[in-house]
Amino acid sequence: MLAKMRIEAESILAVLEAQLGNQPFLCGNRFSMADALLIPMLDYLEPIAEPTPLLDSRPRLSDYLVRMRERPSSAVLRGD
């Protein structure tokens, strides 16, 4: 069951990575609701590391998540 779910997650992450491409945000050059919804999902998936971290094979999404965490609006969510 977990293996099947991991395959599905990896498939979805591949689509998101392709959608992101070289854009700063998921839907282009501006932060949108799509980003606001995606950030917590990626934040939740990032620590899953069995057998390997899900985002390790998705460098664009990993970099995107780092950039989104640096936004002032993310600091509010973390309680900084």
PDB file of N, CA and C in Angstrom:
ATOM      1  N   MET A   1       0.822  -1.195   0.000  1.00  0.00           N
ATOM      2  CA  MET A   1       0.000   0.000   0.000  1.00  0.00           C
ATOM      3  C   MET A   1       0.866   1.257   0.000  1.00  0.00           C
ATOM      4  N   LEU A   2       1.869   1.315   0.890  1.00  0.00           N
ATOM      5  CA  LEU A   2       2.738   2.484   0.937  1.00  0.00           C
ATOM      6  C   LEU A   2       3.521   2.658  -0.355  1.00  0.00           C
ATOM      7  N   ALA A   3       3.973   1.551  -0.933  1.00  0.00           N
ATOM      8  CA  ALA A   3       4.728   1.626  -2.185  1.00  0.00           C
ATOM      9  C   ALA A   3       3.861   2.212  -3.295  1.00  0.00           C
ATOM     10  N   LYS A   4       2.609   1.817  -3.349  1.00  0.00           N
ATOM     11  CA  LYS A   4       1.688   2.338  -4.367  1.00  0.00           C
ATOM     12  C   LYS A   4       1.463   3.838  -4.158  1.00  0.00           C
ATOM     13  N   MET A   5       1.289   4.236  -2.923  1.00  0.00           N
ATOM     14  CA  MET A   5       1.061   5.655  -2.632  1.00  0.00           C
ATOM     15  C   MET A   5       2.303   6.486  -2.974  1.00  0.00           C
ATOM     16  N   ARG A   6       3.472   5.918  -2.723  1.00  0.00           N
ATOM     17  CA  ARG A   6       4.713   6.633  -3.069  1.00  0.00           C
ATOM     18  C   ARG A   6       4.811   6.828  -4.576  1.00  0.00           C
ATOM     19  N   ILE A   7       4.462   5.806  -5.345  1.00  0.00           N
ATOM     20  CA  ILE A   7       4.486   5.914  -6.808  1.00  0.00           C
ATOM     21  C   ILE A   7       3.527   7.011  -7.268  1.00  0.00           C
ATOM     22  N   GLU A   8       2.349   7.061  -6.673  1.00  0.00           N
ATOM     23  CA  GLU A   8       1.380   8.108  -7.024  1.00  0.00           C
ATOM     24  C   GLU A   8       1.909   9.488  -6.653  1.00  0.00           C
ATOM     25  N   ALA A   9       2.513   9.613  -5.481  1.00  0.00           N
ATOM     26  CA  ALA A   9       3.077  10.896  -5.055  1.00  0.00           C
ATOM     27  C   ALA A   9       4.189  11.325  -6.005  1.00  0.00           C
ATOM     28  N   GLU A  10       5.058  10.396  -6.388  1.00  0.00           N
ATOM     29  CA  GLU A  10       6.148  10.725  -7.303  1.00  0.00           C
ATOM     30  C   GLU A  10       5.613  11.155  -8.664  1.00  0.00           C
ATOM     31  N   SER A  11       4.534  10.542  -9.103  1.00  0.00           N
ATOM     32  CA  SER A  11       3.920  10.917 -10.375  1.00  0.00           C
ATOM     33  C   SER A  11       3.375  12.350 -10.313  1.00  0.00           C
ATOM     34  N   ILE A  12       2.717  12.673  -9.224  1.00  0.00           N
ATOM     35  CA  ILE A  12       2.169  14.019  -9.050  1.00  0.00           C
ATOM     36  C   ILE A  12       3.300  15.044  -8.935  1.00  0.00           C
ATOM     37  N   LEU A  13       4.354  14.698  -8.204  1.00  0.00           N
ATOM     38  CA  LEU A  13       5.495  15.614  -8.075  1.00  0.00           C
ATOM     39  C   LEU A  13       6.157  15.855  -9.424  1.00  0.00           C
ATOM     40  N   ALA A  14       6.185  14.866 -10.288  1.00  0.00           N
ATOM     41  CA  ALA A  14       6.747  15.037 -11.630  1.00  0.00           C
ATOM     42  C   ALA A  14       5.931  16.052 -12.428  1.00  0.00           C
ATOM     43  N   VAL A  15       4.610  15.973 -12.315  1.00  0.00           N
ATOM     44  CA  VAL A  15       3.742  16.938 -13.001  1.00  0.00           C
ATOM     45  C   VAL A  15       3.975  18.341 -12.451  1.00  0.00           C
ATOM     46  N   LEU A  16       4.061  18.467 -11.134  1.00  0.00           N
ATOM     47  CA  LEU A  16       4.284  19.779 -10.517  1.00  0.00           C
ATOM     48  C   LEU A  16       5.640  20.345 -10.903  1.00  0.00           C
ATOM     49  N   GLU A  17       6.655  19.501 -10.945  1.00  0.00           N
ATOM     50  CA  GLU A  17       7.995  19.946 -11.338  1.00  0.00           C
ATOM     51  C   GLU A  17       7.976  20.464 -12.778  1.00  0.00           C
ATOM     52  N   ALA A  18       7.276  19.758 -13.650  1.00  0.00           N
ATOM     53  CA  ALA A  18       7.169  20.199 -15.046  1.00  0.00           C
ATOM     54  C   ALA A  18       6.391  21.510 -15.143  1.00  0.00           C
ATOM     55  N   GLN A  19       5.310  21.627 -14.376  1.00  0.00           N
ATOM     56  CA  GLN A  19       4.512  22.859 -14.373  1.00  0.00           C
ATOM     57  C   GLN A  19       5.341  24.040 -13.881  1.00  0.00           C
ATOM     58  N   LEU A  20       6.129  23.828 -12.845  1.00  0.00           N
ATOM     59  CA  LEU A  20       6.966  24.889 -12.307  1.00  0.00           C
ATOM     60  C   LEU A  20       8.007  25.319 -13.328  1.00  0.00           C
ATOM     61  N   GLY A  21       8.623  24.353 -13.992  1.00  0.00           N
ATOM     62  CA  GLY A  21       9.640  24.683 -14.990  1.00  0.00           C
ATOM     63  C   GLY A  21      10.678  25.623 -14.407  1.00  0.00           C
ATOM     64  N   ASN A  22      10.952  26.708 -15.102  1.00  0.00           N
ATOM     65  CA  ASN A  22      11.915  27.708 -14.635  1.00  0.00           C
ATOM     66  C   ASN A  22      11.230  28.970 -14.126  1.00  0.00           C
ATOM     67  N   GLN A  23       9.937  28.866 -13.872  1.00  0.00           N
ATOM     68  CA  GLN A  23       9.179  30.010 -13.363  1.00  0.00           C
ATOM     69  C   GLN A  23       9.460  30.191 -11.871  1.00  0.00           C
ATOM     70  N   PRO A  24       9.320  31.406 -11.366  1.00  0.00           N
ATOM     71  CA  PRO A  24       9.508  31.598  -9.924  1.00  0.00           C
ATOM     72  C   PRO A  24       8.348  31.043  -9.093  1.00  0.00           C
ATOM     73  N   PHE A  25       7.168  30.971  -9.698  1.00  0.00           N
ATOM     74  CA  PHE A  25       5.980  30.487  -8.995  1.00  0.00           C
ATOM     75  C   PHE A  25       5.281  29.448  -9.861  1.00  0.00           C
ATOM     76  N   LEU A  26       4.395  28.698  -9.275  1.00  0.00           N
ATOM     77  CA  LEU A  26       3.767  27.575  -9.958  1.00  0.00           C
ATOM     78  C   LEU A  26       3.041  27.983 -11.237  1.00  0.00           C
ATOM     79  N   CYS A  27       2.403  29.138 -11.225  1.00  0.00           N
ATOM     80  CA  CYS A  27       1.621  29.572 -12.395  1.00  0.00           C
ATOM     81  C   CYS A  27       2.221  30.780 -13.098  1.00  0.00           C
ATOM     82  N   GLY A  28       3.504  31.009 -12.929  1.00  0.00           N
ATOM     83  CA  GLY A  28       4.119  32.119 -13.652  1.00  0.00           C
ATOM     84  C   GLY A  28       5.014  32.971 -12.786  1.00  0.00           C
ATOM     85  N   ASN A  29       4.885  34.283 -12.984  1.00  0.00           N
ATOM     86  CA  ASN A  29       5.779  35.235 -12.325  1.00  0.00           C
ATOM     87  C   ASN A  29       5.219  35.839 -11.047  1.00  0.00           C
ATOM     88  N   ARG A  30       4.018  35.449 -10.667  1.00  0.00           N
ATOM     89  CA  ARG A  30       3.411  36.021  -9.466  1.00  0.00           C
ATOM     90  C   ARG A  30       2.923  34.926  -8.530  1.00  0.00           C
ATOM     91  N   PHE A  31       3.053  35.182  -7.252  1.00  0.00           N
ATOM     92  CA  PHE A  31       2.520  34.288  -6.223  1.00  0.00           C
ATOM     93  C   PHE A  31       1.010  34.210  -6.406  1.00  0.00           C
ATOM     94  N   SER A  32       0.463  32.998  -6.326  1.00  0.00           N
ATOM     95  CA  SER A  32      -0.975  32.821  -6.521  1.00  0.00           C
ATOM     96  C   SER A  32      -1.534  31.841  -5.489  1.00  0.00           C
ATOM     97  N   MET A  33      -2.814  31.630  -5.573  1.00  0.00           N
ATOM     98  CA  MET A  33      -3.474  30.673  -4.687  1.00  0.00           C
ATOM     99  C   MET A  33      -2.886  29.267  -4.881  1.00  0.00           C
ATOM    100  N   ALA A  34      -2.463  28.965  -6.097  1.00  0.00           N
ATOM    101  CA  ALA A  34      -1.842  27.657  -6.355  1.00  0.00           C
ATOM    102  C   ALA A  34      -0.603  27.471  -5.480  1.00  0.00           C
ATOM    103  N   ASP A  35       0.201  28.521  -5.355  1.00  0.00           N
ATOM    104  CA  ASP A  35       1.388  28.453  -4.500  1.00  0.00           C
ATOM    105  C   ASP A  35       0.982  28.317  -3.035  1.00  0.00           C
ATOM    106  N   ALA A  36      -0.002  29.088  -2.635  1.00  0.00           N
ATOM    107  CA  ALA A  36      -0.457  29.059  -1.244  1.00  0.00           C
ATOM    108  C   ALA A  36      -0.960  27.667  -0.859  1.00  0.00           C
ATOM    109  N   LEU A  37      -1.541  26.954  -1.793  1.00  0.00           N
ATOM    110  CA  LEU A  37      -2.034  25.605  -1.518  1.00  0.00           C
ATOM    111  C   LEU A  37      -0.923  24.557  -1.613  1.00  0.00           C
ATOM    112  N   LEU A  38       0.032  24.775  -2.519  1.00  0.00           N
ATOM    113  CA  LEU A  38       1.082  23.788  -2.722  1.00  0.00           C
ATOM    114  C   LEU A  38       2.136  23.798  -1.617  1.00  0.00           C
ATOM    115  N   ILE A  39       2.483  24.953  -1.102  1.00  0.00           N
ATOM    116  CA  ILE A  39       3.567  25.058  -0.120  1.00  0.00           C
ATOM    117  C   ILE A  39       3.356  24.135   1.088  1.00  0.00           C
ATOM    118  N   PRO A  40       2.196  24.151   1.740  1.00  0.00           N
ATOM    119  CA  PRO A  40       2.056  23.250   2.900  1.00  0.00           C
ATOM    120  C   PRO A  40       2.092  21.772   2.518  1.00  0.00           C
ATOM    121  N   MET A  41       1.628  21.453   1.304  1.00  0.00           N
ATOM    122  CA  MET A  41       1.684  20.053   0.875  1.00  0.00           C
ATOM    123  C   MET A  41       3.127  19.599   0.691  1.00  0.00           C
ATOM    124  N   LEU A  42       3.943  20.434   0.042  1.00  0.00           N
ATOM    125  CA  LEU A  42       5.359  20.095  -0.131  1.00  0.00           C
ATOM    126  C   LEU A  42       6.075  20.066   1.210  1.00  0.00           C
ATOM    127  N   ASP A  43       5.698  20.989   2.072  1.00  0.00           N
ATOM    128  CA  ASP A  43       6.296  21.040   3.408  1.00  0.00           C
ATOM    129  C   ASP A  43       6.021  19.741   4.164  1.00  0.00           C
ATOM    130  N   TYR A  44       4.840  19.197   3.979  1.00  0.00           N
ATOM    131  CA  TYR A  44       4.462  17.938   4.620  1.00  0.00           C
ATOM    132  C   TYR A  44       5.227  16.758   4.014  1.00  0.00           C
ATOM    133  N   LEU A  45       5.402  16.758   2.682  1.00  0.00           N
ATOM    134  CA  LEU A  45       6.058  15.644   1.997  1.00  0.00           C
ATOM    135  C   LEU A  45       7.571  15.640   2.152  1.00  0.00           C
ATOM    136  N   GLU A  46       8.156  16.813   2.342  1.00  0.00           N
ATOM    137  CA  GLU A  46       9.620  16.915   2.352  1.00  0.00           C
ATOM    138  C   GLU A  46      10.304  15.969   3.336  1.00  0.00           C
ATOM    139  N   PRO A  47       9.846  15.815   4.571  1.00  0.00           N
ATOM    140  CA  PRO A  47      10.578  14.942   5.501  1.00  0.00           C
ATOM    141  C   PRO A  47      10.379  13.443   5.268  1.00  0.00           C
ATOM    142  N   ILE A  48       9.459  13.067   4.381  1.00  0.00           N
ATOM    143  CA  ILE A  48       9.254  11.643   4.121  1.00  0.00           C
ATOM    144  C   ILE A  48      10.492  11.123   3.397  1.00  0.00           C
ATOM    145  N   ALA A  49      11.183  10.189   4.032  1.00  0.00           N
ATOM    146  CA  ALA A  49      12.499   9.787   3.528  1.00  0.00           C
ATOM    147  C   ALA A  49      12.660   8.288   3.331  1.00  0.00           C
ATOM    148  N   GLU A  50      11.590   7.553   3.270  1.00  0.00           N
ATOM    149  CA  GLU A  50      11.711   6.102   3.102  1.00  0.00           C
ATOM    150  C   GLU A  50      11.267   5.695   1.709  1.00  0.00           C
ATOM    151  N   PRO A  51      12.039   5.076   0.903  1.00  0.00           N
ATOM    152  CA  PRO A  51      13.444   4.737   1.082  1.00  0.00           C
ATOM    153  C   PRO A  51      14.379   5.920   0.814  1.00  0.00           C
ATOM    154  N   THR A  52      13.920   6.926   0.064  1.00  0.00           N
ATOM    155  CA  THR A  52      14.703   8.151  -0.157  1.00  0.00           C
ATOM    156  C   THR A  52      13.752   9.334  -0.070  1.00  0.00           C
ATOM    157  N   PRO A  53      14.262  10.508   0.267  1.00  0.00           N
ATOM    158  CA  PRO A  53      13.383  11.691   0.343  1.00  0.00           C
ATOM    159  C   PRO A  53      12.679  11.949  -0.995  1.00  0.00           C
ATOM    160  N   LEU A  54      11.388  12.191  -0.932  1.00  0.00           N
ATOM    161  CA  LEU A  54      10.587  12.396  -2.137  1.00  0.00           C
ATOM    162  C   LEU A  54      11.070  13.567  -2.980  1.00  0.00           C
ATOM    163  N   LEU A  55      11.504  14.633  -2.347  1.00  0.00           N
ATOM    164  CA  LEU A  55      11.883  15.819  -3.107  1.00  0.00           C
ATOM    165  C   LEU A  55      13.330  15.789  -3.596  1.00  0.00           C
ATOM    166  N   ASP A  56      14.105  14.796  -3.190  1.00  0.00           N
ATOM    167  CA  ASP A  56      15.504  14.723  -3.640  1.00  0.00           C
ATOM    168  C   ASP A  56      15.626  14.637  -5.156  1.00  0.00           C
ATOM    169  N   SER A  57      14.707  13.969  -5.794  1.00  0.00           N
ATOM    170  CA  SER A  57      14.773  13.818  -7.248  1.00  0.00           C
ATOM    171  C   SER A  57      14.032  14.936  -7.983  1.00  0.00           C
ATOM    172  N   ARG A  58      13.615  15.943  -7.246  1.00  0.00           N
ATOM    173  CA  ARG A  58      12.874  17.075  -7.821  1.00  0.00           C
ATOM    174  C   ARG A  58      13.559  18.383  -7.420  1.00  0.00           C
ATOM    175  N   PRO A  59      14.697  18.710  -8.041  1.00  0.00           N
ATOM    176  CA  PRO A  59      15.451  19.895  -7.613  1.00  0.00           C
ATOM    177  C   PRO A  59      14.692  21.214  -7.762  1.00  0.00           C
ATOM    178  N   ARG A  60      13.876  21.333  -8.798  1.00  0.00           N
ATOM    179  CA  ARG A  60      13.116  22.584  -8.957  1.00  0.00           C
ATOM    180  C   ARG A  60      12.120  22.766  -7.818  1.00  0.00           C
ATOM    181  N   LEU A  61      11.430  21.691  -7.473  1.00  0.00           N
ATOM    182  CA  LEU A  61      10.468  21.788  -6.368  1.00  0.00           C
ATOM    183  C   LEU A  61      11.182  22.012  -5.042  1.00  0.00           C
ATOM    184  N   SER A  62      12.328  21.385  -4.847  1.00  0.00           N
ATOM    185  CA  SER A  62      13.096  21.598  -3.616  1.00  0.00           C
ATOM    186  C   SER A  62      13.528  23.051  -3.494  1.00  0.00           C
ATOM    187  N   ASP A  63      14.069  23.612  -4.573  1.00  0.00           N
ATOM    188  CA  ASP A  63      14.481  25.021  -4.563  1.00  0.00           C
ATOM    189  C   ASP A  63      13.280  25.943  -4.362  1.00  0.00           C
ATOM    190  N   TYR A  64      12.185  25.607  -5.013  1.00  0.00           N
ATOM    191  CA  TYR A  64      10.944  26.368  -4.877  1.00  0.00           C
ATOM    192  C   TYR A  64      10.500  26.402  -3.413  1.00  0.00           C
ATOM    193  N   LEU A  65      10.523  25.251  -2.764  1.00  0.00           N
ATOM    194  CA  LEU A  65      10.096  25.182  -1.369  1.00  0.00           C
ATOM    195  C   LEU A  65      11.004  26.029  -0.482  1.00  0.00           C
ATOM    196  N   VAL A  66      12.292  26.001  -0.720  1.00  0.00           N
ATOM    197  CA  VAL A  66      13.224  26.838   0.042  1.00  0.00           C
ATOM    198  C   VAL A  66      12.862  28.317  -0.148  1.00  0.00           C
ATOM    199  N   ARG A  67      12.642  28.724  -1.407  1.00  0.00           N
ATOM    200  CA  ARG A  67      12.281  30.128  -1.686  1.00  0.00           C
ATOM    201  C   ARG A  67      10.969  30.514  -1.011  1.00  0.00           C
ATOM    202  N   MET A  68      10.001  29.613  -1.053  1.00  0.00           N
ATOM    203  CA  MET A  68       8.694  29.926  -0.468  1.00  0.00           C
ATOM    204  C   MET A  68       8.787  30.027   1.057  1.00  0.00           C
ATOM    205  N   ARG A  69       9.651  29.227   1.652  1.00  0.00           N
ATOM    206  CA  ARG A  69       9.840  29.299   3.110  1.00  0.00           C
ATOM    207  C   ARG A  69      10.499  30.610   3.531  1.00  0.00           C
ATOM    208  N   GLU A  70      11.208  31.239   2.616  1.00  0.00           N
ATOM    209  CA  GLU A  70      11.875  32.505   2.911  1.00  0.00           C
ATOM    210  C   GLU A  70      10.927  33.705   2.821  1.00  0.00           C
ATOM    211  N   ARG A  71       9.765  33.503   2.280  1.00  0.00           N
ATOM    212  CA  ARG A  71       8.793  34.601   2.158  1.00  0.00           C
ATOM    213  C   ARG A  71       8.303  35.016   3.553  1.00  0.00           C
ATOM    214  N   PRO A  72       8.108  36.317   3.765  1.00  0.00           N
ATOM    215  CA  PRO A  72       7.597  36.775   5.071  1.00  0.00           C
ATOM    216  C   PRO A  72       6.282  36.104   5.463  1.00  0.00           C
ATOM    217  N   SER A  73       5.432  35.828   4.492  1.00  0.00           N
ATOM    218  CA  SER A  73       4.153  35.188   4.813  1.00  0.00           C
ATOM    219  C   SER A  73       4.357  33.784   5.365  1.00  0.00           C
ATOM    220  N   SER A  74       5.425  33.122   4.987  1.00  0.00           N
ATOM    221  CA  SER A  74       5.723  31.789   5.537  1.00  0.00           C
ATOM    222  C   SER A  74       6.184  31.872   6.967  1.00  0.00           C
ATOM    223  N   ALA A  75       6.863  32.946   7.336  1.00  0.00           N
ATOM    224  CA  ALA A  75       7.326  33.124   8.710  1.00  0.00           C
ATOM    225  C   ALA A  75       6.139  33.193   9.665  1.00  0.00           C
ATOM    226  N   VAL A  76       5.058  33.786   9.226  1.00  0.00           N
ATOM    227  CA  VAL A  76       3.848  33.874  10.062  1.00  0.00           C
ATOM    228  C   VAL A  76       3.310  32.469  10.332  1.00  0.00           C
ATOM    229  N   LEU A  77       3.312  31.631   9.312  1.00  0.00           N
ATOM    230  CA  LEU A  77       2.798  30.271   9.482  1.00  0.00           C
ATOM    231  C   LEU A  77       3.676  29.428  10.399  1.00  0.00           C
ATOM    232  N   ARG A  78       4.989  29.685  10.367  1.00  0.00           N
ATOM    233  CA  ARG A  78       5.908  28.938  11.228  1.00  0.00           C
ATOM    234  C   ARG A  78       5.904  29.461  12.659  1.00  0.00           C
ATOM    235  N   GLY A  79       5.337  30.641  12.862  1.00  0.00           N
ATOM    236  CA  GLY A  79       5.335  31.216  14.197  1.00  0.00           C
ATOM    237  C   GLY A  79       6.580  31.988  14.544  1.00  0.00           C
ATOM    238  N   ASP A  80       7.344  32.393  13.509  1.00  0.00           N
ATOM    239  CA  ASP A  80       8.568  33.182  13.738  1.00  0.00           C
ATOM    240  C   ASP A  80       8.232  34.585  14.240  1.00  0.00           C
TER     241      ASP A  80
END
